[in-house]
Protein backbone atom coordinates (compact mmCIF):
# COMPACT_ATOMS: atom_id res chain seq x y z
CA MET A 1 25.59 3.87 35.49
CA VAL A 2 22.29 1.94 35.79
CA GLU A 3 21.90 -1.71 36.79
CA ALA A 4 19.00 -3.69 35.28
CA THR A 5 17.96 -7.33 34.97
CA LEU A 6 16.77 -8.63 31.56
CA THR A 7 14.03 -11.07 30.60
CA GLY A 8 12.80 -12.44 27.28
CA PHE A 9 16.10 -11.99 25.36
CA SER A 10 18.25 -15.16 25.51
CA GLY A 11 19.40 -17.86 27.87
CA PHE A 12 22.66 -15.98 28.46
CA LEU A 13 21.25 -12.47 29.03
CA ASP A 14 18.07 -13.32 30.95
CA TRP A 15 18.13 -12.90 34.73
CA ARG A 16 21.64 -11.41 34.75
CA PRO A 17 22.08 -7.98 36.39
CA LEU A 18 23.76 -5.82 33.73
CA ARG A 19 25.33 -2.39 34.14
CA PHE A 20 24.13 0.07 31.47
CA LEU A 21 26.15 3.20 30.80
CA LYS A 22 23.05 5.41 30.41
CA PRO A 23 19.57 5.39 31.96
CA LEU A 24 17.17 3.00 30.21
CA PRO A 25 14.11 4.30 28.32
CA ARG A 26 11.01 3.90 30.46
CA ALA A 27 9.19 2.09 27.63
CA TRP A 28 11.35 -1.05 28.11
CA THR A 29 11.20 -1.34 31.93
CA CYS A 30 8.19 -3.06 33.55
CA ASP A 31 6.51 -0.90 36.19
CA VAL A 32 5.51 -4.04 38.13
CA CYS A 33 8.61 -6.27 38.35
CA GLY A 34 11.25 -3.73 37.29
CA LEU A 35 12.77 -6.04 34.66
CA MET A 36 13.86 -4.87 31.22
CA SER A 37 11.80 -6.86 28.70
CA GLN A 38 12.25 -7.67 25.01
CA THR A 39 8.55 -6.86 24.44
CA THR A 40 6.39 -4.51 26.50
CA VAL A 41 2.68 -3.66 26.61
CA VAL A 42 1.29 -0.17 27.31
CA PRO A 43 -2.46 0.22 28.16
CA GLU A 44 -4.43 3.46 28.10
CA CYS A 45 -3.10 4.51 31.53
CA LEU A 46 0.44 4.59 29.96
CA HIS A 47 2.03 2.28 32.53
CA VAL A 48 4.48 -0.28 31.14
CA PHE A 49 4.13 -4.07 31.60
CA CYS A 50 6.39 -6.90 30.51
CA SER A 51 4.70 -9.81 28.69
CA ASP A 52 4.59 -12.07 31.78
CA CYS A 53 3.11 -9.46 34.13
CA TYR A 54 0.58 -8.41 31.49
CA GLN A 55 -0.62 -11.99 30.93
CA ARG A 56 -1.02 -12.48 34.69
CA LEU A 57 -3.01 -9.23 34.82
CA LEU A 58 -5.35 -10.33 32.01
CA SER A 59 -6.01 -13.66 33.73
CA LYS A 60 -7.97 -11.81 36.40
CA LYS A 61 -11.74 -11.42 36.13
CA SER A 62 -11.65 -7.61 35.96
CA PRO A 63 -8.13 -6.53 34.95
CA LYS A 64 -7.03 -3.27 36.57
CA CYS A 65 -3.70 -1.49 36.49
CA PRO A 66 -2.06 -2.01 39.93
CA MET A 67 -0.51 1.47 39.71
CA ASP A 68 -3.69 3.58 39.36
CA MET A 69 -6.51 0.93 39.52
CA LEU A 70 -7.82 1.91 36.09
CA ASP A 71 -9.49 -0.74 33.92
CA VAL A 72 -7.21 -2.46 31.38
CA ASN A 73 -8.77 -3.31 28.00
CA ALA A 74 -6.76 -5.68 25.80
CA ASP A 75 -8.16 -4.04 22.65
CA ASP A 76 -6.81 -0.61 23.66
CA THR A 77 -3.27 -1.68 24.53
CA LYS A 78 -0.19 -1.25 22.34
CA LYS A 79 2.73 -3.64 22.09
CA PHE A 80 6.34 -2.60 21.55
CA ALA A 81 9.37 -4.71 20.62
CA LEU A 82 13.00 -3.68 21.07
CA GLY A 83 14.51 -3.52 17.56
CA ASP A 84 18.10 -4.07 16.43
CA ASN A 85 18.80 -0.35 15.95
CA GLN A 86 17.62 0.42 19.49
CA ARG A 87 19.73 -2.41 20.93
CA LYS A 88 22.88 -0.87 19.49
CA LEU A 89 22.22 2.31 21.48
CA LEU A 90 22.00 0.48 24.85
CA LEU A 91 25.63 0.09 26.00
CA VAL A 92 26.69 -2.16 28.90
CA GLN A 93 29.85 -3.07 30.81
CA CYS A 94 31.34 -6.56 30.84
CA LEU A 95 30.29 -8.90 33.67
CA ASN A 96 34.00 -8.97 34.62
CA ALA A 97 34.24 -5.19 34.91
CA GLU A 98 34.97 -5.47 38.64
CA HIS A 99 37.96 -7.67 37.75
CA GLY A 100 39.38 -5.09 35.35
CA CYS A 101 37.68 -5.73 31.96
CA LYS A 102 37.24 -2.45 30.02
CA PHE A 103 34.60 -3.70 27.52
CA GLU A 104 31.76 -1.23 26.86
CA GLY A 105 29.41 -1.98 23.97
CA PRO A 106 25.88 -2.94 22.85
CA PHE A 107 24.36 -5.51 25.20
CA GLY A 108 23.63 -7.74 22.22
CA ASP A 109 27.42 -8.19 21.77
CA LEU A 110 28.02 -9.03 25.45
CA GLU A 111 27.60 -12.81 25.09
CA ALA A 112 30.18 -13.13 22.30
CA HIS A 113 32.69 -10.98 24.22
CA TYR A 114 32.15 -12.69 27.59
CA THR A 115 32.35 -16.27 26.28
CA LYS A 116 35.11 -15.85 23.68
CA ASP A 117 37.17 -12.68 24.06
CA CYS A 118 37.17 -11.71 27.75
CA ASN A 119 40.48 -12.50 29.55
CA PHE A 120 39.31 -11.51 33.05
CA HIS A 121 37.54 -14.71 34.16
CA VAL A 122 38.53 -15.61 37.75
CA VAL A 123 39.03 -19.26 38.87
CA THR A 124 40.19 -20.93 42.11
CA CYS A 125 43.40 -22.94 42.34
CA LYS A 126 42.58 -26.50 43.36
CA ARG A 127 45.88 -26.84 45.25
CA CYS A 128 46.11 -23.75 47.41
CA GLY A 129 42.58 -22.26 47.13
CA SER A 130 43.79 -18.87 45.85
CA THR A 131 41.90 -17.02 43.04
CA TYR A 132 43.63 -16.07 39.79
CA PHE A 133 42.71 -15.10 36.24
CA ARG A 134 42.19 -18.22 34.22
CA THR A 135 44.88 -17.15 31.74
CA GLU A 136 47.44 -16.90 34.60
CA LEU A 137 46.60 -20.15 36.44
CA LEU A 138 49.08 -22.33 34.55
CA GLU A 139 51.99 -20.00 35.38
CA HIS A 140 50.83 -19.90 39.03
CA LEU A 141 50.88 -23.70 39.31
CA GLU A 142 54.36 -23.87 37.79
CA LYS A 143 55.98 -21.13 39.90
CA ASP A 144 54.02 -19.62 42.77
CA CYS A 145 51.61 -22.25 44.14
CA ARG A 146 52.56 -22.87 47.82
CA ALA A 147 51.10 -26.38 47.79
CA GLN A 148 53.19 -27.75 44.93
CA PHE A 149 55.91 -29.11 47.24
CA GLU A 150 53.59 -30.50 49.93
CA ASP A 151 52.89 -34.25 50.20
CA VAL A 152 49.42 -34.83 48.71
CA THR A 153 48.90 -37.99 50.82
CA PRO A 154 50.44 -37.21 54.23
CA HIS A 155 47.66 -39.00 56.10
CA LEU A 156 48.57 -42.26 54.42
CA ILE A 157 52.07 -42.40 55.99
CA GLN A 158 52.19 -43.69 59.56
CA LYS A 159 54.55 -41.83 61.88
CA PRO A 160 56.64 -43.92 64.32
CA VAL A 161 55.35 -44.14 67.89
CA PRO A 162 57.92 -43.24 70.59
CA GLY A 163 59.39 -46.36 72.29
CA GLN A 164 58.17 -48.62 69.45
CA ILE A 165 60.51 -50.29 67.04
CA SER A 166 59.59 -49.04 63.58
CA ASP A 167 59.06 -51.35 60.65
CA SER A 168 61.44 -51.40 57.82
CA ASN A 169 60.99 -49.08 54.88
CA ASP A 170 59.72 -51.97 52.77
CA ASP A 171 56.99 -52.79 55.29
CA ARG A 172 55.89 -49.17 55.45
CA ASP A 173 55.73 -49.01 51.66
CA CYS A 174 53.66 -52.19 51.48
CA LYS A 175 51.19 -50.93 54.08
CA SER A 176 50.85 -47.59 52.26
CA ILE A 177 50.17 -49.37 48.99
CA GLU A 178 47.55 -51.59 50.64
CA ILE A 179 45.81 -48.57 52.18
CA ILE A 180 45.78 -46.72 48.84
CA ALA A 181 44.48 -49.83 47.05
CA ASP A 182 41.65 -50.20 49.59
CA LEU A 183 40.72 -46.52 49.16
CA VAL A 184 40.67 -46.81 45.35
CA LYS A 185 38.61 -50.01 45.49
CA SER A 186 36.08 -48.46 47.90
CA THR A 187 35.78 -45.33 45.76
CA VAL A 188 35.24 -47.35 42.57
CA GLU A 189 32.58 -49.51 44.19
CA ASP A 190 30.72 -46.47 45.56
CA ASN A 191 30.79 -44.71 42.18
CA SER A 192 29.66 -47.89 40.44
CA ASN A 193 26.69 -48.25 42.77
CA VAL A 194 25.70 -44.62 42.25
CA LEU A 195 25.98 -45.03 38.47
CA ILE A 196 23.89 -48.23 38.44
CA GLU A 197 21.19 -46.61 40.59
CA SER A 198 21.09 -43.55 38.32
CA MET A 199 20.78 -45.77 35.24
CA LYS A 200 17.87 -47.65 36.81
CA GLN A 201 16.04 -44.41 37.58
CA CYS A 202 16.62 -43.05 34.05
CA THR A 203 15.44 -46.32 32.49
CA ALA A 204 12.25 -46.33 34.56
CA GLU A 205 11.53 -42.68 33.75
CA LEU A 206 12.18 -43.26 30.06
CA ALA A 207 9.85 -46.26 29.97
CA LYS A 208 7.12 -44.24 31.69
CA ASN A 209 7.48 -41.37 29.23
CA LEU A 210 7.45 -43.76 26.28
CA VAL A 211 4.20 -45.35 27.46
CA GLU A 212 2.57 -41.94 27.96
CA ALA A 213 3.71 -40.76 24.52
CA THR A 214 2.33 -43.91 22.87
CA GLN A 215 -1.03 -43.50 24.60
CA TYR A 216 -1.19 -39.83 23.58
CA CYS A 217 -0.44 -40.69 19.93
CA MET A 218 -3.12 -43.37 19.86
CA LYS A 219 -5.69 -40.97 21.37
CA SER A 220 -4.74 -38.23 18.88
CA ALA A 221 -5.12 -40.67 15.97
CA ASP A 222 -8.61 -41.68 17.17
CA ASP A 223 -9.64 -38.03 17.57
CA SER A 224 -8.36 -37.17 14.08
CA LYS A 225 -10.30 -40.09 12.60
CA LYS A 226 -13.51 -38.93 14.28
CA VAL A 227 -13.05 -35.33 13.09
CA THR A 228 -12.31 -36.46 9.52
CA SER A 229 -15.41 -38.65 9.45
CA SER A 230 -17.61 -35.82 10.75
CA LEU A 231 -16.33 -33.41 8.07
CA ALA A 232 -16.64 -35.73 5.08
CA GLU A 233 -20.40 -35.23 4.47
CA PRO A 234 -20.43 -31.42 4.93
CA MET A 235 -17.42 -31.14 2.61
CA GLN A 236 -19.20 -33.06 -0.14
CA GLN A 237 -22.25 -30.81 0.21
CA TYR A 238 -20.00 -27.73 0.11
CA ILE A 239 -18.40 -28.90 -3.14
CA LEU A 240 -21.84 -29.42 -4.71
CA ASP A 241 -22.95 -25.94 -3.61
CA VAL A 242 -19.81 -24.38 -5.10
CA MET A 243 -20.39 -26.13 -8.41
CA GLU A 244 -24.01 -24.88 -8.51
CA LEU A 245 -22.87 -21.37 -7.67
CA LYS A 246 -20.27 -21.52 -10.43
CA LYS A 247 -22.93 -22.50 -12.98
CA LEU A 248 -25.23 -19.70 -11.79
CA LEU A 249 -22.40 -17.15 -11.98
CA ALA A 250 -21.52 -18.22 -15.53
CA ALA A 251 -25.14 -17.91 -16.63
CA THR A 252 -25.45 -14.46 -14.98
CA THR A 253 -22.24 -13.24 -16.63
CA LYS A 254 -23.42 -14.40 -20.06
CA ALA A 255 -26.76 -12.63 -19.56
CA LEU A 256 -25.02 -9.38 -18.60
CA VAL A 257 -22.76 -9.55 -21.66
CA ASP A 258 -25.78 -10.13 -23.93
CA ILE A 259 -27.61 -7.19 -22.39
CA SER A 260 -24.59 -4.88 -22.74
CA LYS A 261 -24.18 -5.83 -26.42
CA GLN A 262 -27.82 -4.94 -27.09
CA ARG A 263 -27.30 -1.51 -25.47
CA ASP A 264 -24.13 -0.56 -27.38
CA THR A 265 -25.98 1.82 -29.71
CA ALA A 266 -27.81 3.52 -26.85
CA LEU A 267 -24.62 3.71 -24.81
CA CYS A 268 -22.81 5.61 -27.56
CA ARG A 269 -25.55 8.25 -27.58
CA SER A 270 -25.46 8.53 -23.78
CA CYS A 271 -22.08 10.36 -23.82
CA GLY A 272 -23.12 13.95 -23.43
CA LYS A 273 -22.91 16.91 -21.13
CA ILE A 274 -21.44 16.82 -17.66
CA PRO A 275 -24.18 16.21 -15.02
CA LYS A 276 -24.76 19.02 -12.52
CA CYS A 277 -24.44 16.65 -9.58
CA TRP A 278 -20.96 15.69 -10.80
CA LEU A 279 -19.97 19.33 -11.19
CA ALA A 280 -20.71 19.88 -7.51
CA LEU A 281 -17.69 17.69 -6.72
CA GLY A 282 -15.40 20.52 -7.75
CA PHE A 283 -14.67 20.48 -11.52
CA LEU A 284 -16.21 23.50 -13.24
CA PRO A 285 -15.78 23.57 -17.05
CA GLY A 286 -16.92 27.19 -17.10
CA GLY A 287 -13.60 28.20 -15.57
CA LEU A 288 -11.49 26.40 -18.20
CA CYS A 289 -9.26 28.43 -20.47
CA PRO A 290 -9.77 28.14 -24.27
CA GLN A 291 -6.76 25.82 -24.52
CA LYS A 292 -8.57 22.98 -22.66
CA TYR A 293 -10.94 20.62 -24.51
CA VAL A 294 -13.10 18.52 -22.20
CA PHE A 295 -14.55 15.14 -23.21
CA THR A 296 -17.05 13.09 -21.16
CA CYS A 297 -18.22 9.50 -21.21
CA THR A 298 -21.05 8.14 -19.06
CA ASN A 299 -22.36 4.64 -18.18
CA ILE A 300 -18.86 3.37 -17.42
CA ALA A 301 -20.10 0.36 -15.41
CA ALA A 302 -22.18 -0.98 -18.29
CA LYS A 303 -19.35 -0.46 -20.77
CA VAL A 304 -16.85 -2.28 -18.57
CA ALA A 305 -19.31 -5.15 -18.10
CA GLY A 306 -19.51 -5.42 -21.89
CA ALA A 307 -15.76 -5.83 -22.37
CA PRO A 308 -15.06 -8.58 -24.92
CA ALA A 309 -14.04 -11.95 -23.51
CA VAL A 310 -11.60 -12.52 -26.41
CA LYS A 311 -8.11 -11.32 -25.57
CA LYS A 312 -6.45 -8.61 -27.70
CA SER A 313 -9.83 -7.25 -28.84
CA SER A 314 -11.76 -4.25 -27.50
CA HIS A 315 -15.04 -2.33 -27.60
CA VAL A 316 -14.80 1.29 -28.80
CA TYR A 317 -17.09 4.00 -27.40
CA PRO A 318 -16.97 7.62 -28.72
CA LEU A 319 -16.63 10.45 -26.21
CA ARG A 320 -18.53 13.72 -26.61
CA CYS A 321 -17.07 17.19 -26.12
CA PRO A 322 -19.53 19.11 -23.85
CA ARG A 323 -18.33 22.46 -25.20
CA GLY A 324 -19.15 21.64 -28.81
CA ASN A 325 -17.01 20.25 -31.60
CA ALA A 326 -13.33 20.57 -30.67
CA SER A 327 -11.06 22.05 -33.33
CA ILE A 328 -7.33 22.65 -32.98
CA LYS A 329 -5.44 24.48 -35.76
CA GLY A 330 -8.23 23.63 -38.19
CA ARG A 331 -8.32 19.94 -37.27
CA GLY A 332 -11.22 18.27 -35.55
CA VAL A 333 -10.40 16.24 -32.46
CA LYS A 334 -12.04 12.91 -31.66
CA ILE A 335 -11.38 10.81 -28.54
CA CYS A 336 -12.78 7.29 -28.11
CA LEU A 337 -12.90 5.05 -25.02
CA LEU A 338 -11.48 1.50 -25.35
CA VAL A 339 -12.58 -1.32 -23.01
CA TYR A 340 -10.70 -4.66 -23.13
CA LYS A 341 -9.17 -7.40 -20.97
CA ASP A 342 -5.49 -8.09 -20.30
CA ALA A 343 -3.79 -11.48 -19.97
CA SER A 344 -4.97 -11.81 -16.33
CA GLU A 345 -8.64 -11.24 -17.35
CA ARG A 346 -8.75 -7.79 -15.68
CA ASN A 347 -10.71 -5.02 -17.43
CA LEU A 348 -8.61 -2.18 -18.86
CA ILE A 349 -9.65 1.29 -20.04
CA SER A 350 -7.65 3.19 -22.68
CA PHE A 351 -8.27 5.90 -25.28
CA ASN A 352 -8.04 6.51 -29.06
CA LEU A 353 -7.00 9.99 -30.22
CA THR A 354 -7.90 11.00 -33.80
CA PHE A 355 -7.26 14.28 -35.65
CA LEU A 356 -9.57 15.00 -38.63
CA GLY A 357 -9.00 17.39 -41.53
CA GLU A 358 -5.96 19.43 -42.59
CA SER A 359 -3.97 21.60 -40.16
CA GLN A 360 -3.59 25.35 -40.80
CA ASN A 361 0.00 25.10 -39.61
CA SER A 362 2.07 22.16 -40.81
CA GLY A 363 4.64 22.31 -37.99
CA PRO A 364 3.83 20.90 -34.51
CA ASP A 365 4.67 24.19 -32.78
CA MET A 366 2.61 23.46 -29.68
CA ASP A 367 2.48 21.16 -26.66
CA MET A 368 -0.42 18.78 -26.10
CA THR A 369 -1.22 16.77 -22.96
CA LEU A 370 -3.97 14.20 -22.48
CA VAL A 371 -5.33 14.36 -18.90
CA LEU A 372 -7.63 11.93 -17.03
CA VAL A 373 -9.33 14.32 -14.60
CA HIS A 374 -10.02 13.48 -10.95
CA PRO A 375 -13.37 15.07 -9.92
CA THR A 376 -12.25 16.44 -6.53
CA ASP A 377 -8.43 16.47 -6.32
CA ALA A 378 -6.46 17.92 -9.24
CA SER A 379 -3.20 16.58 -7.76
CA LEU A 380 -4.38 13.05 -8.61
CA ASN A 381 -4.88 13.81 -12.32
CA LYS A 382 -3.16 11.32 -14.66
CA CYS A 383 -1.31 13.14 -17.47
CA ARG A 384 0.14 11.84 -20.74
CA PRO A 385 2.15 14.51 -22.66
CA LEU A 386 2.16 13.87 -26.43
CA LYS A 387 5.57 13.69 -28.04
CA ILE A 388 6.46 15.95 -30.97
CA ASP A 389 5.98 13.14 -33.47
CA GLU A 390 2.54 12.30 -31.92
CA ILE A 391 0.97 15.78 -32.26
CA PHE A 392 -1.69 15.81 -35.03
CA LYS A 393 -1.03 12.07 -35.54
CA SER A 394 -3.97 9.72 -34.95
CA GLN A 395 -3.36 7.20 -32.14
CA SER A 396 -5.21 3.87 -32.44
CA LYS A 397 -4.44 3.44 -28.72
CA VAL A 398 -2.47 6.03 -26.79
CA ASN A 399 0.51 4.10 -25.44
CA GLY A 400 1.24 4.44 -21.74
CA PHE A 401 -2.29 5.70 -20.98
CA ALA A 402 -4.23 2.58 -19.96
CA PHE A 403 -5.74 1.94 -16.51
CA PHE A 404 -7.44 -0.92 -14.68
CA ALA A 405 -11.17 -0.18 -14.40
CA ASP A 406 -11.45 -1.34 -10.79
CA ALA A 407 -8.46 0.84 -9.80
CA LEU A 408 -10.08 3.95 -11.34
CA CYS A 409 -13.26 3.30 -9.36
CA ARG A 410 -11.32 2.68 -6.16
CA GLU A 411 -9.28 5.93 -6.60
CA GLY A 412 -12.41 8.03 -7.21
CA PHE A 413 -11.97 8.86 -10.92
CA VAL A 414 -15.41 7.43 -11.75
CA ALA A 415 -18.12 9.75 -10.39
CA ASP A 416 -21.80 9.44 -11.25
CA ASP A 417 -20.79 6.50 -13.48
CA MET A 418 -18.78 8.91 -15.68
CA LEU A 419 -15.15 9.60 -16.70
CA LEU A 420 -13.78 13.01 -17.71
CA VAL A 421 -10.85 13.43 -20.16
CA CYS A 422 -9.23 16.76 -21.03
CA LEU A 423 -6.91 17.62 -23.95
CA GLU A 424 -4.71 20.58 -22.94
CA THR A 425 -2.77 22.60 -25.53
CA ALA A 426 -0.18 25.34 -25.23
CA GLU A 427 1.71 27.09 -28.03
């Protein structure tokens, strides 16, 4: 059983000593004040601080851990917050455990139990001063309270003085009534005076706060007006600069598109053998088996820049096979690169697959897979197996095999401004 005081959780739980069934993890107990905190901070020295102690530490000119006097750097500290799953594992006893309550559960459920379900709250009888459970007080007053038969106003009844002739019962009753009336009147007047004085103080305090709030609002309005006036001219200049930049960007884009269109013929001829510098990244065609046909396409950046602005249209660039003309079962194989834009104006790259000539075997008794090769990590290759009805059938655009150009560059598929595509076959 461990007793701990909480801070930073709720108005009910904070600053209440709670009894936990198991020792608390060190990460949630402040090494300075010893409180269990909702959020803790751990610097490089691995001592634990609650949020309040840590902020007081940082307010010093040269923050040092009070435990080992090591420097504390705010950039090197880590913050931790107690999550819901961890709260469920921290079990506590009820605050009325010493009165007999058997509750043991997550400390997050303590408030609901204590305020609604617990039947072990102890109160004091206003008659006799004895303590009882609140649920048993009514029965105590009806049966067991020793003060229930005593006269509640014995001091108001005058006892007869020896040797003096007592007044009649009527006179005694009248005097008692007068005394009670005077007491009630005095009590009412005192309470009225206290109430009037309290109302005066509240009214004065409210008027003071209202004046201060009005002055603050007027000052804030003046400050906002000054700030708005000072920003008006720079904002206008900023808008003009943005408009000029937009015009310049449009002109630059148009020039790049014109240049790329003029280079289309040269770009088609640029698709050739794999550069040696690209081979050094780990893909060696010399080690390929005869069932792999490798196709390369260079100058990817220029081709993407020349993507048509009109939606649903594309530029077609032929790929070259670096190992010579590819032929499968007597059919020539041709792969072309497609560059186009989607509905969100992002550049997409896809591929055409064309089979030329007549096949030596009419049945598609083989498997074919189109692979976009990653230059350094084969596990990242993007594969598109061809279905039975797609083998030896020309594909104007291979469905399910299109990629965003910027994503391919970001993932490392474009190396030396070149893409590599492989057609793998297996009978």
